[in-house]
PDB file of all heavy atoms in Angstrom:
ATOM      1  N   PHE A   1      78.316  55.861  62.618  1.00  0.00           N
ATOM      2  CA  PHE A   1      78.136  55.652  61.192  1.00  0.00           C
ATOM      3  C   PHE A   1      77.473  56.884  60.484  1.00  0.00           C
ATOM      4  O   PHE A   1      77.890  57.173  59.372  1.00  0.00           O
ATOM      5  CB  PHE A   1      77.154  54.472  60.987  1.00  0.00           C
ATOM      6  CG  PHE A   1      77.854  53.128  61.214  1.00  0.00           C
ATOM      7  CD1 PHE A   1      77.512  52.349  62.345  1.00  0.00           C
ATOM      8  CD2 PHE A   1      78.816  52.622  60.340  1.00  0.00           C
ATOM      9  CE1 PHE A   1      78.144  51.186  62.556  1.00  0.00           C
ATOM     10  CE2 PHE A   1      79.478  51.424  60.610  1.00  0.00           C
ATOM     11  CZ  PHE A   1      79.099  50.720  61.686  1.00  0.00           C
ATOM     12  N   SER A   2      76.629  57.588  61.147  1.00  0.00           N
ATOM     13  CA  SER A   2      75.992  58.774  60.539  1.00  0.00           C
ATOM     14  C   SER A   2      76.984  59.852  60.254  1.00  0.00           C
ATOM     15  O   SER A   2      76.944  60.501  59.192  1.00  0.00           O
ATOM     16  CB  SER A   2      74.877  59.252  61.431  1.00  0.00           C
ATOM     17  OG  SER A   2      75.380  59.631  62.736  1.00  0.00           O
ATOM     18  N   LEU A   3      77.929  60.052  61.151  1.00  0.00           N
ATOM     19  CA  LEU A   3      78.962  61.052  60.897  1.00  0.00           C
ATOM     20  C   LEU A   3      79.912  60.706  59.772  1.00  0.00           C
ATOM     21  O   LEU A   3      80.294  61.516  58.953  1.00  0.00           O
ATOM     22  CB  LEU A   3      79.796  61.275  62.163  1.00  0.00           C
ATOM     23  CG  LEU A   3      80.913  62.321  62.102  1.00  0.00           C
ATOM     24  CD1 LEU A   3      80.418  63.614  61.802  1.00  0.00           C
ATOM     25  CD2 LEU A   3      81.736  62.279  63.434  1.00  0.00           C
ATOM     26  N   VAL A   4      80.212  59.419  59.687  1.00  0.00           N
ATOM     27  CA  VAL A   4      81.090  58.903  58.612  1.00  0.00           C
ATOM     28  C   VAL A   4      80.341  59.067  57.255  1.00  0.00           C
ATOM     29  O   VAL A   4      80.979  59.432  56.266  1.00  0.00           O
ATOM     30  CB  VAL A   4      81.480  57.437  58.848  1.00  0.00           C
ATOM     31  CG1 VAL A   4      82.193  56.835  57.651  1.00  0.00           C
ATOM     32  CG2 VAL A   4      82.388  57.355  60.104  1.00  0.00           C
ATOM     33  N   PHE A   5      79.056  58.795  57.228  1.00  0.00           N
ATOM     34  CA  PHE A   5      78.287  58.979  56.024  1.00  0.00           C
ATOM     35  C   PHE A   5      78.234  60.411  55.589  1.00  0.00           C
ATOM     36  O   PHE A   5      78.454  60.744  54.379  1.00  0.00           O
ATOM     37  CB  PHE A   5      76.839  58.481  56.249  1.00  0.00           C
ATOM     38  CG  PHE A   5      75.980  58.542  55.070  1.00  0.00           C
ATOM     39  CD1 PHE A   5      76.122  57.711  54.020  1.00  0.00           C
ATOM     40  CD2 PHE A   5      75.007  59.524  54.929  1.00  0.00           C
ATOM     41  CE1 PHE A   5      75.310  57.782  52.879  1.00  0.00           C
ATOM     42  CE2 PHE A   5      74.219  59.651  53.832  1.00  0.00           C
ATOM     43  CZ  PHE A   5      74.329  58.726  52.796  1.00  0.00           C
ATOM     44  N   ILE A   6      78.072  61.362  56.511  1.00  0.00           N
ATOM     45  CA  ILE A   6      78.032  62.772  56.190  1.00  0.00           C
ATOM     46  C   ILE A   6      79.370  63.279  55.692  1.00  0.00           C
ATOM     47  O   ILE A   6      79.507  64.005  54.742  1.00  0.00           O
ATOM     48  CB  ILE A   6      77.583  63.612  57.394  1.00  0.00           C
ATOM     49  CG1 ILE A   6      76.090  63.317  57.706  1.00  0.00           C
ATOM     50  CG2 ILE A   6      77.872  65.091  57.189  1.00  0.00           C
ATOM     51  CD1 ILE A   6      75.608  63.834  58.970  1.00  0.00           C
ATOM     52  N   ILE A   7      80.479  62.758  56.283  1.00  0.00           N
ATOM     53  CA  ILE A   7      81.816  63.120  55.842  1.00  0.00           C
ATOM     54  C   ILE A   7      82.074  62.593  54.387  1.00  0.00           C
ATOM     55  O   ILE A   7      82.646  63.260  53.616  1.00  0.00           O
ATOM     56  CB  ILE A   7      82.831  62.575  56.871  1.00  0.00           C
ATOM     57  CG1 ILE A   7      82.764  63.433  58.130  1.00  0.00           C
ATOM     58  CG2 ILE A   7      84.257  62.594  56.231  1.00  0.00           C
ATOM     59  CD1 ILE A   7      83.556  62.847  59.283  1.00  0.00           C
ATOM     60  N   GLY A   8      81.571  61.396  54.171  1.00  0.00           N
ATOM     61  CA  GLY A   8      81.746  60.850  52.816  1.00  0.00           C
ATOM     62  C   GLY A   8      80.994  61.600  51.783  1.00  0.00           C
ATOM     63  O   GLY A   8      81.473  61.891  50.657  1.00  0.00           O
ATOM     64  N   LEU A   9      79.771  62.074  52.134  1.00  0.00           N
ATOM     65  CA  LEU A   9      78.975  62.894  51.204  1.00  0.00           C
ATOM     66  C   LEU A   9      79.622  64.238  50.977  1.00  0.00           C
ATOM     67  O   LEU A   9      79.687  64.733  49.823  1.00  0.00           O
ATOM     68  CB  LEU A   9      77.587  63.069  51.725  1.00  0.00           C
ATOM     69  CG  LEU A   9      76.680  61.867  51.594  1.00  0.00           C
ATOM     70  CD1 LEU A   9      75.261  62.221  52.140  1.00  0.00           C
ATOM     71  CD2 LEU A   9      76.553  61.346  50.181  1.00  0.00           C
ATOM     72  N   LEU A  10      80.229  64.787  52.017  1.00  0.00           N
ATOM     73  CA  LEU A  10      80.957  66.034  51.908  1.00  0.00           C
ATOM     74  C   LEU A  10      82.154  65.879  50.960  1.00  0.00           C
ATOM     75  O   LEU A  10      82.387  66.739  50.060  1.00  0.00           O
ATOM     76  CB  LEU A  10      81.433  66.567  53.285  1.00  0.00           C
ATOM     77  CG  LEU A  10      82.266  67.830  53.246  1.00  0.00           C
ATOM     78  CD1 LEU A  10      81.428  69.024  52.815  1.00  0.00           C
ATOM     79  CD2 LEU A  10      82.869  68.065  54.636  1.00  0.00           C
ATOM     80  N   GLN A  11      82.852  64.775  51.082  1.00  0.00           N
ATOM     81  CA  GLN A  11      83.957  64.505  50.217  1.00  0.00           C
ATOM     82  C   GLN A  11      83.506  64.391  48.759  1.00  0.00           C
ATOM     83  O   GLN A  11      84.163  64.848  47.790  1.00  0.00           O
ATOM     84  CB  GLN A  11      84.653  63.233  50.691  1.00  0.00           C
ATOM     85  CG  GLN A  11      85.830  62.807  49.783  1.00  0.00           C
ATOM     86  CD  GLN A  11      87.147  63.324  50.309  1.00  0.00           C
ATOM     87  OE1 GLN A  11      87.243  63.839  51.425  1.00  0.00           O
ATOM     88  NE2 GLN A  11      88.156  63.201  49.466  1.00  0.00           N
ATOM     89  N   ASP A  12      82.394  63.716  48.548  1.00  0.00           N
ATOM     90  CA  ASP A  12      81.868  63.556  47.202  1.00  0.00           C
ATOM     91  C   ASP A  12      81.453  64.909  46.576  1.00  0.00           C
ATOM     92  O   ASP A  12      81.750  65.093  45.418  1.00  0.00           O
ATOM     93  CB  ASP A  12      80.629  62.623  47.198  1.00  0.00           C
ATOM     94  CG  ASP A  12      80.998  61.188  47.501  1.00  0.00           C
ATOM     95  OD1 ASP A  12      82.172  60.858  47.259  1.00  0.00           O
ATOM     96  OD2 ASP A  12      80.158  60.484  47.990  1.00  0.00           O
ATOM     97  N   VAL A  13      80.817  65.702  47.339  1.00  0.00           N
ATOM     98  CA  VAL A  13      80.386  67.017  46.835  1.00  0.00           C
ATOM     99  C   VAL A  13      81.546  67.909  46.479  1.00  0.00           C
ATOM    100  O   VAL A  13      81.605  68.564  45.441  1.00  0.00           O
ATOM    101  CB  VAL A  13      79.451  67.711  47.841  1.00  0.00           C
ATOM    102  CG1 VAL A  13      79.225  69.155  47.500  1.00  0.00           C
ATOM    103  CG2 VAL A  13      78.118  66.914  47.966  1.00  0.00           C
ATOM    104  N   LEU A  14      82.593  67.844  47.359  1.00  0.00           N
ATOM    105  CA  LEU A  14      83.781  68.767  47.113  1.00  0.00           C
ATOM    106  C   LEU A  14      84.657  68.266  45.985  1.00  0.00           C
ATOM    107  O   LEU A  14      85.253  69.038  45.310  1.00  0.00           O
ATOM    108  CB  LEU A  14      84.561  68.882  48.417  1.00  0.00           C
ATOM    109  CG  LEU A  14      83.876  69.642  49.504  1.00  0.00           C
ATOM    110  CD1 LEU A  14      84.758  69.632  50.768  1.00  0.00           C
ATOM    111  CD2 LEU A  14      83.613  71.086  49.095  1.00  0.00           C
ATOM    112  N   THR A  15      84.766  66.939  45.773  1.00  0.00           N
ATOM    113  CA  THR A  15      85.605  66.470  44.707  1.00  0.00           C
ATOM    114  C   THR A  15      84.898  66.256  43.403  1.00  0.00           C
ATOM    115  O   THR A  15      85.604  66.038  42.379  1.00  0.00           O
ATOM    116  CB  THR A  15      86.284  65.132  45.124  1.00  0.00           C
ATOM    117  OG1 THR A  15      85.235  64.156  45.386  1.00  0.00           O
ATOM    118  CG2 THR A  15      87.171  65.296  46.382  1.00  0.00           C
ATOM    119  N   GLY A  16      83.636  66.222  43.389  1.00  0.00           N
ATOM    120  CA  GLY A  16      82.866  65.975  42.151  1.00  0.00           C
ATOM    121  C   GLY A  16      82.761  64.457  41.831  1.00  0.00           C
ATOM    122  O   GLY A  16      82.417  64.125  40.689  1.00  0.00           O
ATOM    123  N   ALA A  17      83.018  63.663  42.765  1.00  0.00           N
ATOM    124  CA  ALA A  17      82.876  62.231  42.583  1.00  0.00           C
ATOM    125  C   ALA A  17      81.371  61.860  42.579  1.00  0.00           C
ATOM    126  O   ALA A  17      80.529  62.650  43.072  1.00  0.00           O
ATOM    127  CB  ALA A  17      83.558  61.476  43.715  1.00  0.00           C
ATOM    128  N   PRO A  18      81.014  60.656  42.098  1.00  0.00           N
ATOM    129  CA  PRO A  18      79.623  60.268  42.175  1.00  0.00           C
ATOM    130  C   PRO A  18      79.108  60.273  43.610  1.00  0.00           C
ATOM    131  O   PRO A  18      79.795  59.770  44.534  1.00  0.00           O
ATOM    132  CB  PRO A  18      79.594  58.873  41.637  1.00  0.00           C
ATOM    133  CG  PRO A  18      80.850  58.763  40.760  1.00  0.00           C
ATOM    134  CD  PRO A  18      81.848  59.693  41.414  1.00  0.00           C
ATOM    135  N   LEU A  19      77.939  60.825  43.795  1.00  0.00           N
ATOM    136  CA  LEU A  19      77.386  61.026  45.122  1.00  0.00           C
ATOM    137  C   LEU A  19      77.200  59.706  45.839  1.00  0.00           C
ATOM    138  O   LEU A  19      76.453  58.799  45.313  1.00  0.00           O
ATOM    139  CB  LEU A  19      76.074  61.806  45.093  1.00  0.00           C
ATOM    140  CG  LEU A  19      75.605  62.523  46.331  1.00  0.00           C
ATOM    141  CD1 LEU A  19      76.682  63.486  46.725  1.00  0.00           C
ATOM    142  CD2 LEU A  19      74.318  63.182  46.113  1.00  0.00           C
ATOM    143  N   GLY A  20      77.861  59.495  46.931  1.00  0.00           N
ATOM    144  CA  GLY A  20      77.723  58.246  47.728  1.00  0.00           C
ATOM    145  C   GLY A  20      78.910  57.332  47.612  1.00  0.00           C
ATOM    146  O   GLY A  20      79.002  56.357  48.328  1.00  0.00           O
ATOM    147  N   LEU A  21      79.896  57.668  46.698  1.00  0.00           N
ATOM    148  CA  LEU A  21      81.015  56.801  46.527  1.00  0.00           C
ATOM    149  C   LEU A  21      81.917  56.803  47.730  1.00  0.00           C
ATOM    150  O   LEU A  21      82.264  55.692  48.256  1.00  0.00           O
ATOM    151  CB  LEU A  21      81.805  57.255  45.304  1.00  0.00           C
ATOM    152  CG  LEU A  21      83.103  56.410  44.999  1.00  0.00           C
ATOM    153  CD1 LEU A  21      82.749  55.045  44.604  1.00  0.00           C
ATOM    154  CD2 LEU A  21      83.934  57.101  43.967  1.00  0.00           C
ATOM    155  N   HIS A  22      82.373  57.894  48.155  1.00  0.00           N
ATOM    156  CA  HIS A  22      83.234  58.015  49.347  1.00  0.00           C
ATOM    157  C   HIS A  22      82.510  57.595  50.611  1.00  0.00           C
ATOM    158  O   HIS A  22      83.050  56.927  51.524  1.00  0.00           O
ATOM    159  CB  HIS A  22      83.879  59.374  49.497  1.00  0.00           C
ATOM    160  CG  HIS A  22      84.932  59.647  48.531  1.00  0.00           C
ATOM    161  ND1 HIS A  22      84.689  60.406  47.396  1.00  0.00           N
ATOM    162  CD2 HIS A  22      86.262  59.335  48.504  1.00  0.00           C
ATOM    163  CE1 HIS A  22      85.810  60.526  46.709  1.00  0.00           C
ATOM    164  NE2 HIS A  22      86.772  59.840  47.354  1.00  0.00           N
ATOM    165  N   ALA A  23      81.191  57.940  50.681  1.00  0.00           N
ATOM    166  CA  ALA A  23      80.438  57.516  51.841  1.00  0.00           C
ATOM    167  C   ALA A  23      80.373  56.017  51.972  1.00  0.00           C
ATOM    168  O   ALA A  23      80.518  55.474  53.023  1.00  0.00           O
ATOM    169  CB  ALA A  23      79.034  58.112  51.734  1.00  0.00           C
ATOM    170  N   PHE A  24      80.172  55.334  50.839  1.00  0.00           N
ATOM    171  CA  PHE A  24      80.130  53.904  50.820  1.00  0.00           C
ATOM    172  C   PHE A  24      81.504  53.305  51.242  1.00  0.00           C
ATOM    173  O   PHE A  24      81.540  52.392  52.037  1.00  0.00           O
ATOM    174  CB  PHE A  24      79.731  53.384  49.453  1.00  0.00           C
ATOM    175  CG  PHE A  24      79.777  51.869  49.316  1.00  0.00           C
ATOM    176  CD1 PHE A  24      78.822  51.085  49.953  1.00  0.00           C
ATOM    177  CD2 PHE A  24      80.764  51.288  48.583  1.00  0.00           C
ATOM    178  CE1 PHE A  24      78.868  49.779  49.861  1.00  0.00           C
ATOM    179  CE2 PHE A  24      80.797  49.917  48.430  1.00  0.00           C
ATOM    180  CZ  PHE A  24      79.880  49.144  49.100  1.00  0.00           C
ATOM    181  N   VAL A  25      82.572  53.840  50.698  1.00  0.00           N
ATOM    182  CA  VAL A  25      83.903  53.336  51.009  1.00  0.00           C
ATOM    183  C   VAL A  25      84.232  53.583  52.464  1.00  0.00           C
ATOM    184  O   VAL A  25      84.754  52.647  53.158  1.00  0.00           O
ATOM    185  CB  VAL A  25      85.004  53.981  50.122  1.00  0.00           C
ATOM    186  CG1 VAL A  25      86.345  53.666  50.557  1.00  0.00           C
ATOM    187  CG2 VAL A  25      84.769  53.603  48.658  1.00  0.00           C
ATOM    188  N   TYR A  26      83.927  54.754  53.002  1.00  0.00           N
ATOM    189  CA  TYR A  26      84.184  54.976  54.429  1.00  0.00           C
ATOM    190  C   TYR A  26      83.376  54.104  55.360  1.00  0.00           C
ATOM    191  O   TYR A  26      83.863  53.575  56.381  1.00  0.00           O
ATOM    192  CB  TYR A  26      83.979  56.436  54.746  1.00  0.00           C
ATOM    193  CG  TYR A  26      84.875  57.397  54.025  1.00  0.00           C
ATOM    194  CD1 TYR A  26      84.568  58.765  53.935  1.00  0.00           C
ATOM    195  CD2 TYR A  26      86.048  56.960  53.409  1.00  0.00           C
ATOM    196  CE1 TYR A  26      85.398  59.636  53.282  1.00  0.00           C
ATOM    197  CE2 TYR A  26      86.907  57.879  52.740  1.00  0.00           C
ATOM    198  CZ  TYR A  26      86.565  59.204  52.706  1.00  0.00           C
ATOM    199  OH  TYR A  26      87.377  60.084  52.012  1.00  0.00           O
ATOM    200  N   LEU A  27      82.084  53.948  55.014  1.00  0.00           N
ATOM    201  CA  LEU A  27      81.230  53.107  55.809  1.00  0.00           C
ATOM    202  C   LEU A  27      81.659  51.607  55.712  1.00  0.00           C
ATOM    203  O   LEU A  27      81.629  50.891  56.717  1.00  0.00           O
ATOM    204  CB  LEU A  27      79.775  53.234  55.372  1.00  0.00           C
ATOM    205  CG  LEU A  27      79.112  54.509  55.817  1.00  0.00           C
ATOM    206  CD1 LEU A  27      77.706  54.594  55.171  1.00  0.00           C
ATOM    207  CD2 LEU A  27      78.996  54.598  57.343  1.00  0.00           C
ATOM    208  N   LEU A  28      82.097  51.213  54.544  1.00  0.00           N
ATOM    209  CA  LEU A  28      82.605  49.859  54.433  1.00  0.00           C
ATOM    210  C   LEU A  28      83.877  49.617  55.253  1.00  0.00           C
ATOM    211  O   LEU A  28      83.988  48.570  55.932  1.00  0.00           O
ATOM    212  CB  LEU A  28      82.869  49.560  52.933  1.00  0.00           C
ATOM    213  CG  LEU A  28      83.226  48.053  52.563  1.00  0.00           C
ATOM    214  CD1 LEU A  28      82.003  47.213  52.875  1.00  0.00           C
ATOM    215  CD2 LEU A  28      83.613  48.009  51.090  1.00  0.00           C
ATOM    216  N   CYS A  29      84.763  50.584  55.212  1.00  0.00           N
ATOM    217  CA  CYS A  29      86.003  50.506  56.006  1.00  0.00           C
ATOM    218  C   CYS A  29      85.661  50.479  57.509  1.00  0.00           C
ATOM    219  O   CYS A  29      86.203  49.673  58.268  1.00  0.00           O
ATOM    220  CB  CYS A  29      86.861  51.722  55.683  1.00  0.00           C
ATOM    221  SG  CYS A  29      88.311  51.845  56.708  1.00  0.00           S
ATOM    222  N   GLN A  30      84.720  51.350  57.926  1.00  0.00           N
ATOM    223  CA  GLN A  30      84.360  51.366  59.352  1.00  0.00           C
ATOM    224  C   GLN A  30      83.690  50.076  59.830  1.00  0.00           C
ATOM    225  O   GLN A  30      83.974  49.552  60.879  1.00  0.00           O
ATOM    226  CB  GLN A  30      83.480  52.585  59.659  1.00  0.00           C
ATOM    227  CG  GLN A  30      83.153  52.752  61.121  1.00  0.00           C
ATOM    228  CD  GLN A  30      82.330  53.883  61.417  1.00  0.00           C
ATOM    229  OE1 GLN A  30      81.469  54.316  60.552  1.00  0.00           O
ATOM    230  NE2 GLN A  30      82.420  54.489  62.585  1.00  0.00           N
ATOM    231  N   TRP A  31      82.811  49.545  58.986  1.00  0.00           N
ATOM    232  CA  TRP A  31      82.127  48.328  59.306  1.00  0.00           C
ATOM    233  C   TRP A  31      83.090  47.176  59.382  1.00  0.00           C
ATOM    234  O   TRP A  31      83.015  46.358  60.323  1.00  0.00           O
ATOM    235  CB  TRP A  31      81.052  48.076  58.199  1.00  0.00           C
ATOM    236  CG  TRP A  31      80.344  46.755  58.411  1.00  0.00           C
ATOM    237  CD1 TRP A  31      79.437  46.455  59.347  1.00  0.00           C
ATOM    238  CD2 TRP A  31      80.510  45.625  57.605  1.00  0.00           C
ATOM    239  NE1 TRP A  31      79.009  45.170  59.175  1.00  0.00           N
ATOM    240  CE2 TRP A  31      79.668  44.558  58.091  1.00  0.00           C
ATOM    241  CE3 TRP A  31      81.278  45.309  56.481  1.00  0.00           C
ATOM    242  CZ2 TRP A  31      79.563  43.368  57.529  1.00  0.00           C
ATOM    243  CZ3 TRP A  31      81.194  44.066  55.939  1.00  0.00           C
ATOM    244  CH2 TRP A  31      80.332  43.148  56.455  1.00  0.00           C
ATOM    245  N   GLN A  32      84.075  47.135  58.494  1.00  0.00           N
ATOM    246  CA  GLN A  32      85.078  46.037  58.487  1.00  0.00           C
ATOM    247  C   GLN A  32      85.961  46.155  59.758  1.00  0.00           C
ATOM    248  O   GLN A  32      86.296  45.178  60.378  1.00  0.00           O
ATOM    249  CB  GLN A  32      85.954  46.117  57.183  1.00  0.00           C
ATOM    250  CG  GLN A  32      86.933  45.044  57.094  1.00  0.00           C
ATOM    251  CD  GLN A  32      86.271  43.672  56.833  1.00  0.00           C
ATOM    252  OE1 GLN A  32      85.177  43.590  56.332  1.00  0.00           O
ATOM    253  NE2 GLN A  32      86.907  42.621  57.230  1.00  0.00           N
ATOM    254  N   LEU A  33      86.339  47.363  60.113  1.00  0.00           N
ATOM    255  CA  LEU A  33      87.199  47.567  61.282  1.00  0.00           C
ATOM    256  C   LEU A  33      86.483  47.198  62.576  1.00  0.00           C
ATOM    257  O   LEU A  33      87.061  46.592  63.450  1.00  0.00           O
ATOM    258  CB  LEU A  33      87.680  49.028  61.335  1.00  0.00           C
ATOM    259  CG  LEU A  33      88.757  49.394  60.340  1.00  0.00           C
ATOM    260  CD1 LEU A  33      89.010  50.862  60.334  1.00  0.00           C
ATOM    261  CD2 LEU A  33      90.044  48.637  60.655  1.00  0.00           C
TER     262      LEU A  33
END
């Protein structure tokens, strides 16, 4: 989970999305799977 969170934050920083958006989506996907 920690790696997925870091990857999501990296995606947010690089795309300019609200910080934590991709991290939340990726963690939600991983938790569901």
